[in-house]
Amino acid sequence: MSPSGSILLPTRKLDAALVNLLKSLTAGERIKIVQKVKCGNKAWTAEASGAFRGVNYLCTGVTTERVKSDDIVLPTVHFTKDNGEMASICLDEHTAISRG
């Protein structure tokens, strides 16, 4: 999480209820994740579930060296699927996470 304890997107705001849920989760709690995926004119939802491991940031950058403020930092939820696979998803404004 950010130094202020908030979970931030680079250009948009996450729903306050999602932020509060993520802050209240503990490792091992079961979560269900639903994201809207869009590719061209097609859009669909993708679902995943598993045991919550934590929230961190994925730090990316641009392909050219300009200024440090060009870095993109994405909040990422880490979880373990039922088959044991460790997985991570980057949050966006279309992500819904619930307990269970």
Protein backbone atom coordinates (compact mmCIF):
# COMPACT_ATOMS: atom_id res chain seq x y z
CA MET A 1 0.00 0.00 0.00
CA SER A 2 1.02 3.59 -0.35
CA PRO A 3 2.79 5.40 2.48
CA SER A 4 -0.54 7.01 3.44
CA GLY A 5 -2.10 3.55 3.83
CA SER A 6 -4.42 4.18 0.91
CA ILE A 7 -4.64 2.03 -2.22
CA LEU A 8 -4.17 4.26 -5.24
CA LEU A 9 -4.53 3.95 -9.00
CA PRO A 10 -2.30 6.11 -11.20
CA THR A 11 -5.12 7.97 -12.96
CA ARG A 12 -8.46 6.89 -11.45
CA LYS A 13 -9.99 6.23 -8.03
CA LEU A 14 -10.96 2.84 -6.67
CA ASP A 15 -14.35 2.42 -5.06
CA ALA A 16 -14.09 3.19 -1.33
CA ALA A 17 -15.89 -0.05 -0.44
CA LEU A 18 -13.26 -2.07 -2.35
CA VAL A 19 -10.42 -0.23 -0.62
CA ASN A 20 -12.01 -0.85 2.80
CA LEU A 21 -12.50 -4.55 2.01
CA LEU A 22 -8.89 -4.97 0.89
CA LYS A 23 -7.63 -3.26 4.06
CA SER A 24 -9.73 -5.59 6.21
CA LEU A 25 -8.69 -8.89 4.57
CA THR A 26 -6.19 -11.15 6.28
CA ALA A 27 -3.94 -13.74 4.68
CA GLY A 28 -5.76 -16.99 3.99
CA GLU A 29 -9.24 -15.48 3.72
CA ARG A 30 -11.19 -16.71 0.73
CA ILE A 31 -11.89 -14.09 -1.97
CA LYS A 32 -13.73 -13.98 -5.27
CA ILE A 33 -12.51 -11.58 -7.97
CA VAL A 34 -14.53 -10.41 -10.96
CA GLN A 35 -13.00 -8.14 -13.60
CA LYS A 36 -14.37 -6.66 -16.79
CA VAL A 37 -12.08 -7.45 -19.72
CA LYS A 38 -12.25 -5.54 -22.99
CA CYS A 39 -10.42 -6.29 -26.21
CA GLY A 40 -11.43 -4.25 -29.23
CA ASN A 41 -15.22 -4.24 -29.45
CA LYS A 42 -15.60 -7.35 -27.28
CA ALA A 43 -16.08 -7.24 -23.51
CA TRP A 44 -16.62 -10.01 -20.98
CA THR A 45 -16.13 -10.74 -17.31
CA ALA A 46 -13.41 -12.96 -15.91
CA GLU A 47 -13.69 -14.59 -12.48
CA ALA A 48 -11.12 -16.10 -10.15
CA SER A 49 -11.15 -17.15 -6.52
CA GLY A 50 -8.73 -18.37 -3.90
CA ALA A 51 -6.97 -17.57 -0.66
CA PHE A 52 -5.93 -13.93 -0.21
CA ARG A 53 -2.19 -13.40 0.30
CA GLY A 54 -1.83 -9.61 0.28
CA VAL A 55 -1.86 -6.31 -1.61
CA ASN A 56 1.24 -4.76 -3.09
CA TYR A 57 2.18 -2.57 -6.04
CA LEU A 58 3.47 -3.56 -9.46
CA CYS A 59 5.91 -0.87 -10.56
CA THR A 60 6.21 -0.45 -14.28
CA GLY A 61 7.78 2.22 -16.41
CA VAL A 62 7.68 3.62 -19.87
CA THR A 63 9.97 2.38 -22.61
CA THR A 64 11.80 5.66 -22.90
CA GLU A 65 13.84 7.42 -20.27
CA ARG A 66 12.10 10.70 -19.57
CA VAL A 67 11.34 11.65 -16.00
CA LYS A 68 10.74 9.51 -12.91
CA SER A 69 7.16 10.73 -12.64
CA ASP A 70 6.38 8.72 -15.81
CA ASP A 71 6.45 5.50 -13.77
CA ILE A 72 3.14 3.71 -13.50
CA VAL A 73 2.45 1.96 -10.20
CA LEU A 74 -0.50 -0.46 -10.10
CA PRO A 75 -2.09 -1.93 -6.96
CA THR A 76 -1.95 -5.72 -7.19
CA VAL A 77 -3.87 -8.37 -5.24
CA HIS A 78 -2.02 -11.63 -4.65
CA PHE A 79 -3.92 -14.85 -3.99
CA THR A 80 -3.55 -18.63 -4.24
CA LYS A 81 -6.01 -20.53 -6.41
CA ASP A 82 -7.60 -23.77 -5.20
CA ASN A 83 -5.18 -25.80 -7.37
CA GLY A 84 -2.21 -24.24 -5.54
CA GLU A 85 -1.29 -21.81 -8.33
CA MET A 86 -0.07 -18.47 -7.01
CA ALA A 87 -1.77 -15.66 -8.93
CA SER A 88 -1.93 -11.87 -8.97
CA ILE A 89 -4.28 -9.34 -10.55
CA CYS A 90 -3.84 -5.62 -11.02
CA LEU A 91 -6.76 -3.58 -9.77
CA ASP A 92 -8.71 -1.18 -11.95
CA GLU A 93 -12.00 0.63 -11.63
CA HIS A 94 -13.81 -2.42 -13.05
CA THR A 95 -12.54 -4.89 -10.42
CA ALA A 96 -14.97 -6.33 -7.89
CA ILE A 97 -13.70 -8.39 -4.95
CA SER A 98 -15.81 -10.09 -2.31
CA ARG A 99 -15.26 -12.49 0.57
CA GLY A 100 -16.14 -16.08 -0.07
